[in-house]
Amino acid sequence: MAYLIFGLAVLLLGGLIWHYQRRSRPISPPATMDYRPLLQEHVAYYRALSDDDKKKFEERVEQFLSQTRIDGVGTTVDELDKVLVASSAVITIFGFKDWSFYRLTTVLLYEDRFNTAFETDGKGRNILGMVGEGGALQSTMALSKPALHEGFADESSTENTGIHEFVHLLDKADGATDGTPRFFLDRNHVKPWLQLIHATLADIQANRSDIDPYALTNEAEFFAVVSEYFFKRPDLLKENHPELFARLEEIFQQRPF
């Protein structure tokens, strides 16, 4: 209990950002659990894959779960919880065959949304997920378990909390969580990406867009929000925001449909 309290205290101080880096050490042997039935039932992204890609997705889910512990805070953790966390991670990096969130050692699942004191009752409980910077939080993510499940259960929505938080980790690959993933963008496309961000934010501000207004928070949240949209409803994003869709295809090196 003491280590958990200490970890949460560091989490409170840590803020938003965590490192995501190229794998540079061997991965532990994968688990032997057959996750295919859970993936088929609960993960629309997985269902849309070819048979060969489904196999690759399963292997990367097993890899993630072999190196990352998932613990409950005020709640239990079952195999579906693990599959949804792992799927959130794998979806974002499926276009990068040699990448892994290997520095993420722990994901904490909370029984509900939480506040800045990591309380799941009382006032100010509006946090669905958080990743941090420095100290113990360097290797920890916190997620609301109901929000995690809702992101996969509502297949018509453009929202997915798990994907959102893992995109923040990707954003940090160049050393700054600022909504401009320079590590994944051609250098000549950075300026057009920034121009596209600002134009899209202006449309959201003027109520001319279907993108979640939470994207207005800052550029980092914009990137995470539109990435949720990209992975949840790529068909709709391509129809409504073709330029944004094309740029996200470049960043994530995949077309998720």
C-alpha atoms as a PDB file:
ATOM      1  CA  MET A   1       0.000   0.000   0.000  1.00  0.00           C
ATOM      2  CA  ALA A   2       2.853   2.359   0.877  1.00  0.00           C
ATOM      3  CA  TYR A   3       4.467   2.023  -2.547  1.00  0.00           C
ATOM      4  CA  LEU A   4       1.150   2.786  -4.231  1.00  0.00           C
ATOM      5  CA  ILE A   5       0.633   5.942  -2.154  1.00  0.00           C
ATOM      6  CA  PHE A   6       4.169   7.056  -3.016  1.00  0.00           C
ATOM      7  CA  GLY A   7       3.598   6.338  -6.689  1.00  0.00           C
ATOM      8  CA  LEU A   8       0.378   8.344  -6.715  1.00  0.00           C
ATOM      9  CA  ALA A   9       2.074  11.267  -5.019  1.00  0.00           C
ATOM     10  CA  VAL A  10       4.719  11.307  -7.734  1.00  0.00           C
ATOM     11  CA  LEU A  11       1.991  10.962 -10.351  1.00  0.00           C
ATOM     12  CA  LEU A  12       0.318  14.097  -9.018  1.00  0.00           C
ATOM     13  CA  LEU A  13       3.563  16.036  -9.403  1.00  0.00           C
ATOM     14  CA  GLY A  14       4.500  14.491 -12.678  1.00  0.00           C
ATOM     15  CA  GLY A  15       1.878  15.959 -14.997  1.00  0.00           C
ATOM     16  CA  LEU A  16       1.221  14.726 -18.475  1.00  0.00           C
ATOM     17  CA  ILE A  17       4.306  13.460 -20.260  1.00  0.00           C
ATOM     18  CA  TRP A  18       6.208  10.186 -20.496  1.00  0.00           C
ATOM     19  CA  HIS A  19       8.902   8.798 -22.793  1.00  0.00           C
ATOM     20  CA  TYR A  20       8.187   6.551 -25.748  1.00  0.00           C
ATOM     21  CA  GLN A  21      11.319   5.094 -27.329  1.00  0.00           C
ATOM     22  CA  ARG A  22      12.495   2.554 -29.849  1.00  0.00           C
ATOM     23  CA  ARG A  23      12.920  -0.889 -28.361  1.00  0.00           C
ATOM     24  CA  SER A  24      16.595  -1.505 -27.551  1.00  0.00           C
ATOM     25  CA  ARG A  25      16.565  -4.640 -25.411  1.00  0.00           C
ATOM     26  CA  PRO A  26      15.081  -8.126 -25.742  1.00  0.00           C
ATOM     27  CA  ILE A  27      11.408  -8.555 -24.942  1.00  0.00           C
ATOM     28  CA  SER A  28      10.282 -11.154 -22.418  1.00  0.00           C
ATOM     29  CA  PRO A  29       8.691 -14.298 -23.865  1.00  0.00           C
ATOM     30  CA  PRO A  30       5.016 -13.684 -24.750  1.00  0.00           C
ATOM     31  CA  ALA A  31       2.165 -14.959 -22.630  1.00  0.00           C
ATOM     32  CA  THR A  32       0.376 -18.136 -23.680  1.00  0.00           C
ATOM     33  CA  MET A  33      -3.166 -16.812 -23.207  1.00  0.00           C
ATOM     34  CA  ASP A  34      -5.338 -16.981 -26.333  1.00  0.00           C
ATOM     35  CA  TYR A  35      -6.710 -13.446 -26.626  1.00  0.00           C
ATOM     36  CA  ARG A  36      -8.330 -13.941 -30.032  1.00  0.00           C
ATOM     37  CA  PRO A  37     -11.933 -14.343 -28.801  1.00  0.00           C
ATOM     38  CA  LEU A  38     -11.734 -11.151 -26.720  1.00  0.00           C
ATOM     39  CA  LEU A  39     -10.103  -9.223 -29.532  1.00  0.00           C
ATOM     40  CA  GLN A  40     -12.680 -10.430 -32.039  1.00  0.00           C
ATOM     41  CA  GLU A  41     -15.591  -9.488 -29.808  1.00  0.00           C
ATOM     42  CA  HIS A  42     -14.416  -6.182 -28.391  1.00  0.00           C
ATOM     43  CA  VAL A  43     -11.857  -4.559 -30.714  1.00  0.00           C
ATOM     44  CA  ALA A  44     -13.291  -3.320 -34.024  1.00  0.00           C
ATOM     45  CA  TYR A  45      -9.826  -2.316 -35.271  1.00  0.00           C
ATOM     46  CA  TYR A  46      -8.683  -5.940 -34.915  1.00  0.00           C
ATOM     47  CA  ARG A  47     -11.766  -7.303 -36.702  1.00  0.00           C
ATOM     48  CA  ALA A  48     -11.011  -5.141 -39.732  1.00  0.00           C
ATOM     49  CA  LEU A  49      -7.506  -6.596 -40.177  1.00  0.00           C
ATOM     50  CA  SER A  50      -6.499  -9.308 -42.622  1.00  0.00           C
ATOM     51  CA  ASP A  51      -5.771 -12.747 -41.178  1.00  0.00           C
ATOM     52  CA  ASP A  52      -2.022 -12.138 -41.390  1.00  0.00           C
ATOM     53  CA  ASP A  53      -2.308  -8.771 -39.668  1.00  0.00           C
ATOM     54  CA  LYS A  54      -4.569 -10.234 -36.990  1.00  0.00           C
ATOM     55  CA  LYS A  55      -1.784 -12.668 -36.141  1.00  0.00           C
ATOM     56  CA  LYS A  56       0.720  -9.815 -35.917  1.00  0.00           C
ATOM     57  CA  PHE A  57      -1.683  -7.832 -33.725  1.00  0.00           C
ATOM     58  CA  GLU A  58      -2.115 -10.816 -31.372  1.00  0.00           C
ATOM     59  CA  GLU A  59       1.656 -11.194 -31.072  1.00  0.00           C
ATOM     60  CA  ARG A  60       2.085  -7.539 -30.212  1.00  0.00           C
ATOM     61  CA  VAL A  61      -0.698  -7.685 -27.608  1.00  0.00           C
ATOM     62  CA  GLU A  62       1.105 -10.632 -26.010  1.00  0.00           C
ATOM     63  CA  GLN A  63       4.393  -8.739 -26.190  1.00  0.00           C
ATOM     64  CA  PHE A  64       2.878  -5.676 -24.498  1.00  0.00           C
ATOM     65  CA  LEU A  65       1.362  -7.766 -21.714  1.00  0.00           C
ATOM     66  CA  SER A  66       4.628  -9.631 -21.171  1.00  0.00           C
ATOM     67  CA  GLN A  67       6.399  -6.372 -20.311  1.00  0.00           C
ATOM     68  CA  THR A  68       3.701  -4.175 -18.724  1.00  0.00           C
ATOM     69  CA  ARG A  69       1.849  -4.835 -15.471  1.00  0.00           C
ATOM     70  CA  ILE A  70      -1.796  -3.789 -15.188  1.00  0.00           C
ATOM     71  CA  ASP A  71      -3.057  -3.181 -11.643  1.00  0.00           C
ATOM     72  CA  GLY A  72      -6.434  -2.122 -10.298  1.00  0.00           C
ATOM     73  CA  VAL A  73      -6.953   0.737  -7.841  1.00  0.00           C
ATOM     74  CA  GLY A  74     -10.258   0.094  -6.079  1.00  0.00           C
ATOM     75  CA  THR A  75     -11.219  -2.384  -8.786  1.00  0.00           C
ATOM     76  CA  THR A  76     -10.314  -5.816 -10.093  1.00  0.00           C
ATOM     77  CA  VAL A  77      -8.451  -6.464 -13.332  1.00  0.00           C
ATOM     78  CA  ASP A  78      -9.539  -9.257 -15.657  1.00  0.00           C
ATOM     79  CA  GLU A  79      -8.336 -10.536 -19.018  1.00  0.00           C
ATOM     80  CA  LEU A  80     -10.601  -8.163 -20.967  1.00  0.00           C
ATOM     81  CA  ASP A  81      -9.157  -5.177 -19.099  1.00  0.00           C
ATOM     82  CA  LYS A  82      -5.666  -6.330 -20.076  1.00  0.00           C
ATOM     83  CA  VAL A  83      -6.645  -6.864 -23.699  1.00  0.00           C
ATOM     84  CA  LEU A  84      -8.180  -3.392 -23.988  1.00  0.00           C
ATOM     85  CA  VAL A  85      -5.150  -1.673 -22.489  1.00  0.00           C
ATOM     86  CA  ALA A  86      -2.807  -3.638 -24.750  1.00  0.00           C
ATOM     87  CA  SER A  87      -4.984  -2.987 -27.798  1.00  0.00           C
ATOM     88  CA  SER A  88      -4.951   0.754 -27.073  1.00  0.00           C
ATOM     89  CA  ALA A  89      -1.162   0.630 -27.209  1.00  0.00           C
ATOM     90  CA  VAL A  90      -0.790  -1.661 -30.216  1.00  0.00           C
ATOM     91  CA  ILE A  91      -3.296   0.236 -32.369  1.00  0.00           C
ATOM     92  CA  THR A  92      -1.223   3.418 -32.174  1.00  0.00           C
ATOM     93  CA  ILE A  93       2.062   1.733 -33.172  1.00  0.00           C
ATOM     94  CA  PHE A  94       0.816  -0.989 -35.512  1.00  0.00           C
ATOM     95  CA  GLY A  95       2.365   0.824 -38.468  1.00  0.00           C
ATOM     96  CA  PHE A  96       5.808   0.689 -36.805  1.00  0.00           C
ATOM     97  CA  LYS A  97       6.912  -2.942 -36.751  1.00  0.00           C
ATOM     98  CA  ASP A  98      10.006  -2.441 -34.576  1.00  0.00           C
ATOM     99  CA  TRP A  99       8.514  -0.239 -31.874  1.00  0.00           C
ATOM    100  CA  SER A 100       7.331  -1.007 -28.367  1.00  0.00           C
ATOM    101  CA  PHE A 101       6.269   0.907 -25.241  1.00  0.00           C
ATOM    102  CA  TYR A 102       8.879  -1.092 -23.391  1.00  0.00           C
ATOM    103  CA  ARG A 103       9.543   1.589 -20.761  1.00  0.00           C
ATOM    104  CA  LEU A 104       5.930   1.554 -19.630  1.00  0.00           C
ATOM    105  CA  THR A 105       6.074  -0.902 -16.732  1.00  0.00           C
ATOM    106  CA  THR A 106       2.697  -0.249 -15.060  1.00  0.00           C
ATOM    107  CA  VAL A 107      -0.822   0.798 -16.018  1.00  0.00           C
ATOM    108  CA  LEU A 108      -3.130   1.624 -13.093  1.00  0.00           C
ATOM    109  CA  LEU A 109      -6.854   1.128 -13.716  1.00  0.00           C
ATOM    110  CA  TYR A 110      -9.144   3.200 -11.494  1.00  0.00           C
ATOM    111  CA  GLU A 111     -12.721   2.214 -10.700  1.00  0.00           C
ATOM    112  CA  ASP A 112     -14.024   5.502 -12.132  1.00  0.00           C
ATOM    113  CA  ARG A 113     -12.822   8.869 -13.397  1.00  0.00           C
ATOM    114  CA  PHE A 114     -10.622  10.596 -10.835  1.00  0.00           C
ATOM    115  CA  ASN A 115      -9.508  14.041  -9.693  1.00  0.00           C
ATOM    116  CA  THR A 116      -6.047  15.540  -9.281  1.00  0.00           C
ATOM    117  CA  ALA A 117      -5.768  13.857  -5.874  1.00  0.00           C
ATOM    118  CA  PHE A 118      -6.577  10.508  -7.547  1.00  0.00           C
ATOM    119  CA  GLU A 119      -9.878  10.230  -5.691  1.00  0.00           C
ATOM    120  CA  THR A 120     -12.781   8.466  -7.389  1.00  0.00           C
ATOM    121  CA  ASP A 121     -15.435  10.163  -5.262  1.00  0.00           C
ATOM    122  CA  GLY A 122     -15.988  13.779  -4.261  1.00  0.00           C
ATOM    123  CA  LYS A 123     -15.454  16.887  -6.373  1.00  0.00           C
ATOM    124  CA  GLY A 124     -13.477  17.499  -9.516  1.00  0.00           C
ATOM    125  CA  ARG A 125     -13.502  13.935 -10.832  1.00  0.00           C
ATOM    126  CA  ASN A 126     -12.995  14.737 -14.498  1.00  0.00           C
ATOM    127  CA  ILE A 127      -9.764  12.904 -15.345  1.00  0.00           C
ATOM    128  CA  LEU A 128     -10.086   9.838 -17.591  1.00  0.00           C
ATOM    129  CA  GLY A 129      -6.394   9.146 -18.081  1.00  0.00           C
ATOM    130  CA  MET A 130      -2.933  10.470 -17.352  1.00  0.00           C
ATOM    131  CA  VAL A 131       0.673   9.786 -18.205  1.00  0.00           C
ATOM    132  CA  GLY A 132       3.519  11.596 -16.520  1.00  0.00           C
ATOM    133  CA  GLU A 133       7.077  12.835 -16.541  1.00  0.00           C
ATOM    134  CA  GLY A 134       9.948  12.063 -14.206  1.00  0.00           C
ATOM    135  CA  GLY A 135      10.352   9.916 -11.112  1.00  0.00           C
ATOM    136  CA  ALA A 136       8.128   6.896 -10.647  1.00  0.00           C
ATOM    137  CA  LEU A 137       5.678   8.206 -13.222  1.00  0.00           C
ATOM    138  CA  GLN A 138       8.319   7.809 -15.919  1.00  0.00           C
ATOM    139  CA  SER A 139       7.010   4.247 -16.304  1.00  0.00           C
ATOM    140  CA  THR A 140       3.339   4.566 -15.227  1.00  0.00           C
ATOM    141  CA  MET A 141      -0.015   5.372 -16.814  1.00  0.00           C
ATOM    142  CA  ALA A 142      -3.359   5.868 -15.021  1.00  0.00           C
ATOM    143  CA  LEU A 143      -6.691   5.159 -16.738  1.00  0.00           C
ATOM    144  CA  SER A 144     -10.340   5.165 -15.735  1.00  0.00           C
ATOM    145  CA  LYS A 145     -11.493   1.591 -16.248  1.00  0.00           C
ATOM    146  CA  PRO A 146     -15.051   2.564 -17.331  1.00  0.00           C
ATOM    147  CA  ALA A 147     -13.641   5.094 -19.813  1.00  0.00           C
ATOM    148  CA  LEU A 148     -11.261   2.489 -21.204  1.00  0.00           C
ATOM    149  CA  HIS A 149     -14.159   0.095 -21.818  1.00  0.00           C
ATOM    150  CA  GLU A 150     -16.454   2.748 -23.252  1.00  0.00           C
ATOM    151  CA  GLY A 151     -13.866   3.657 -25.864  1.00  0.00           C
ATOM    152  CA  PHE A 152     -14.144   0.172 -27.342  1.00  0.00           C
ATOM    153  CA  ALA A 153     -17.810  -0.558 -26.602  1.00  0.00           C
ATOM    154  CA  ASP A 154     -19.187   2.479 -28.467  1.00  0.00           C
ATOM    155  CA  GLU A 155     -17.918   1.777 -31.958  1.00  0.00           C
ATOM    156  CA  SER A 156     -19.838   4.684 -33.485  1.00  0.00           C
ATOM    157  CA  SER A 157     -18.052   7.320 -31.405  1.00  0.00           C
ATOM    158  CA  THR A 158     -14.809   9.107 -32.210  1.00  0.00           C
ATOM    159  CA  GLU A 159     -13.457   8.766 -28.665  1.00  0.00           C
ATOM    160  CA  ASN A 160     -11.111   6.267 -27.013  1.00  0.00           C
ATOM    161  CA  THR A 161      -9.357   7.155 -23.764  1.00  0.00           C
ATOM    162  CA  GLY A 162      -6.736   4.416 -24.027  1.00  0.00           C
ATOM    163  CA  ILE A 163      -5.679   5.460 -27.523  1.00  0.00           C
ATOM    164  CA  HIS A 164      -5.641   9.102 -26.405  1.00  0.00           C
ATOM    165  CA  GLU A 165      -3.115   8.458 -23.640  1.00  0.00           C
ATOM    166  CA  PHE A 166      -0.839   6.277 -25.746  1.00  0.00           C
ATOM    167  CA  VAL A 167      -0.781   8.979 -28.435  1.00  0.00           C
ATOM    168  CA  HIS A 168       0.582  11.356 -25.793  1.00  0.00           C
ATOM    169  CA  LEU A 169       3.456   8.903 -25.340  1.00  0.00           C
ATOM    170  CA  LEU A 170       4.067   8.856 -29.090  1.00  0.00           C
ATOM    171  CA  ASP A 171       4.014  12.647 -29.166  1.00  0.00           C
ATOM    172  CA  LYS A 172       6.902  12.624 -26.683  1.00  0.00           C
ATOM    173  CA  ALA A 173       9.163  10.606 -29.015  1.00  0.00           C
ATOM    174  CA  ASP A 174      10.918  13.784 -30.200  1.00  0.00           C
ATOM    175  CA  GLY A 175      11.387  15.012 -26.627  1.00  0.00           C
ATOM    176  CA  ALA A 176       8.391  17.363 -26.387  1.00  0.00           C
ATOM    177  CA  THR A 177       4.677  16.657 -25.967  1.00  0.00           C
ATOM    178  CA  ASP A 178       3.515  19.542 -28.117  1.00  0.00           C
ATOM    179  CA  GLY A 179       1.175  18.057 -30.714  1.00  0.00           C
ATOM    180  CA  THR A 180       3.848  18.055 -33.429  1.00  0.00           C
ATOM    181  CA  PRO A 181       5.370  14.557 -33.670  1.00  0.00           C
ATOM    182  CA  ARG A 182       8.520  15.574 -35.513  1.00  0.00           C
ATOM    183  CA  PHE A 183       9.911  12.081 -35.109  1.00  0.00           C
ATOM    184  CA  PHE A 184       7.205  10.784 -37.485  1.00  0.00           C
ATOM    185  CA  LEU A 185       6.739  13.721 -39.856  1.00  0.00           C
ATOM    186  CA  ASP A 186       8.900  14.576 -42.835  1.00  0.00           C
ATOM    187  CA  ARG A 187      10.633  17.817 -41.856  1.00  0.00           C
ATOM    188  CA  ASN A 188       9.035  19.554 -44.845  1.00  0.00           C
ATOM    189  CA  HIS A 189       5.608  18.631 -43.513  1.00  0.00           C
ATOM    190  CA  VAL A 190       6.021  20.113 -40.031  1.00  0.00           C
ATOM    191  CA  LYS A 191       4.999  23.637 -41.058  1.00  0.00           C
ATOM    192  CA  PRO A 192       1.927  22.426 -43.033  1.00  0.00           C
ATOM    193  CA  TRP A 193       0.951  20.307 -40.013  1.00  0.00           C
ATOM    194  CA  LEU A 194       1.111  23.332 -37.725  1.00  0.00           C
ATOM    195  CA  GLN A 195      -0.928  25.370 -40.202  1.00  0.00           C
ATOM    196  CA  LEU A 196      -3.491  22.558 -40.383  1.00  0.00           C
ATOM    197  CA  ILE A 197      -3.720  22.414 -36.582  1.00  0.00           C
ATOM    198  CA  HIS A 198      -4.412  26.128 -36.306  1.00  0.00           C
ATOM    199  CA  ALA A 199      -6.940  26.141 -39.146  1.00  0.00           C
ATOM    200  CA  THR A 200      -8.789  23.186 -37.640  1.00  0.00           C
ATOM    201  CA  LEU A 201      -8.749  24.723 -34.162  1.00  0.00           C
ATOM    202  CA  ALA A 202     -10.309  27.857 -35.640  1.00  0.00           C
ATOM    203  CA  ASP A 203     -13.091  25.767 -37.172  1.00  0.00           C
ATOM    204  CA  ILE A 204     -13.727  24.014 -33.851  1.00  0.00           C
ATOM    205  CA  GLN A 205     -13.816  27.344 -32.035  1.00  0.00           C
ATOM    206  CA  ALA A 206     -16.352  28.649 -34.543  1.00  0.00           C
ATOM    207  CA  ASN A 207     -18.532  25.526 -34.239  1.00  0.00           C
ATOM    208  CA  ARG A 208     -17.766  24.536 -37.824  1.00  0.00           C
ATOM    209  CA  SER A 209     -16.323  21.133 -36.951  1.00  0.00           C
ATOM    210  CA  ASP A 210     -17.432  17.784 -35.516  1.00  0.00           C
ATOM    211  CA  ILE A 211     -14.095  17.336 -33.707  1.00  0.00           C
ATOM    212  CA  ASP A 212     -14.390  17.153 -29.916  1.00  0.00           C
ATOM    213  CA  PRO A 213     -13.914  20.690 -28.474  1.00  0.00           C
ATOM    214  CA  TYR A 214     -11.474  19.230 -25.935  1.00  0.00           C
ATOM    215  CA  ALA A 215      -8.997  19.563 -28.806  1.00  0.00           C
ATOM    216  CA  LEU A 216      -9.010  23.321 -28.105  1.00  0.00           C
ATOM    217  CA  THR A 217      -7.115  22.745 -24.823  1.00  0.00           C
ATOM    218  CA  ASN A 218      -3.712  22.878 -26.519  1.00  0.00           C
ATOM    219  CA  GLU A 219      -1.843  21.400 -29.491  1.00  0.00           C
ATOM    220  CA  ALA A 220      -0.949  18.199 -27.616  1.00  0.00           C
ATOM    221  CA  GLU A 221      -4.592  17.530 -26.787  1.00  0.00           C
ATOM    222  CA  PHE A 222      -5.559  18.368 -30.361  1.00  0.00           C
ATOM    223  CA  PHE A 223      -3.204  15.692 -31.662  1.00  0.00           C
ATOM    224  CA  ALA A 224      -4.511  13.096 -29.178  1.00  0.00           C
ATOM    225  CA  VAL A 225      -8.172  13.930 -29.893  1.00  0.00           C
ATOM    226  CA  VAL A 226      -7.889  13.781 -33.684  1.00  0.00           C
ATOM    227  CA  SER A 227      -5.875  10.570 -33.373  1.00  0.00           C
ATOM    228  CA  GLU A 228      -8.761   8.986 -31.466  1.00  0.00           C
ATOM    229  CA  TYR A 229     -11.012  10.039 -34.345  1.00  0.00           C
ATOM    230  CA  PHE A 230      -8.535   8.619 -36.887  1.00  0.00           C
ATOM    231  CA  PHE A 231      -8.442   5.195 -35.276  1.00  0.00           C
ATOM    232  CA  LYS A 232     -12.100   4.975 -34.214  1.00  0.00           C
ATOM    233  CA  ARG A 233     -13.850   6.423 -37.294  1.00  0.00           C
ATOM    234  CA  PRO A 234     -11.303   6.673 -40.108  1.00  0.00           C
ATOM    235  CA  ASP A 235     -14.081   6.540 -42.709  1.00  0.00           C
ATOM    236  CA  LEU A 236     -15.786   9.583 -41.201  1.00  0.00           C
ATOM    237  CA  LEU A 237     -12.542  11.493 -40.679  1.00  0.00           C
ATOM    238  CA  LYS A 238     -11.540  10.936 -44.301  1.00  0.00           C
ATOM    239  CA  GLU A 239     -14.938  12.176 -45.455  1.00  0.00           C
ATOM    240  CA  ASN A 240     -15.121  15.222 -43.192  1.00  0.00           C
ATOM    241  CA  HIS A 241     -11.429  16.140 -42.884  1.00  0.00           C
ATOM    242  CA  PRO A 242      -9.494  14.657 -45.839  1.00  0.00           C
ATOM    243  CA  GLU A 243      -6.357  16.754 -45.323  1.00  0.00           C
ATOM    244  CA  LEU A 244      -6.194  15.869 -41.633  1.00  0.00           C
ATOM    245  CA  PHE A 245      -6.756  12.210 -42.461  1.00  0.00           C
ATOM    246  CA  ALA A 246      -3.900  12.223 -44.985  1.00  0.00           C
ATOM    247  CA  ARG A 247      -1.487  13.812 -42.520  1.00  0.00           C
ATOM    248  CA  LEU A 248      -2.378  11.300 -39.782  1.00  0.00           C
ATOM    249  CA  GLU A 249      -1.847   8.469 -42.277  1.00  0.00           C
ATOM    250  CA  GLU A 250       1.676   9.792 -42.719  1.00  0.00           C
ATOM    251  CA  ILE A 251       2.299  10.128 -38.993  1.00  0.00           C
ATOM    252  CA  PHE A 252       1.026   6.677 -38.008  1.00  0.00           C
ATOM    253  CA  GLN A 253       2.123   4.952 -41.237  1.00  0.00           C
ATOM    254  CA  GLN A 254      -1.170   3.114 -41.576  1.00  0.00           C
ATOM    255  CA  ARG A 255      -4.711   3.374 -42.900  1.00  0.00           C
ATOM    256  CA  PRO A 256      -7.014   1.815 -40.243  1.00  0.00           C
ATOM    257  CA  PHE A 257      -9.812   0.495 -42.486  1.00  0.00           C
END
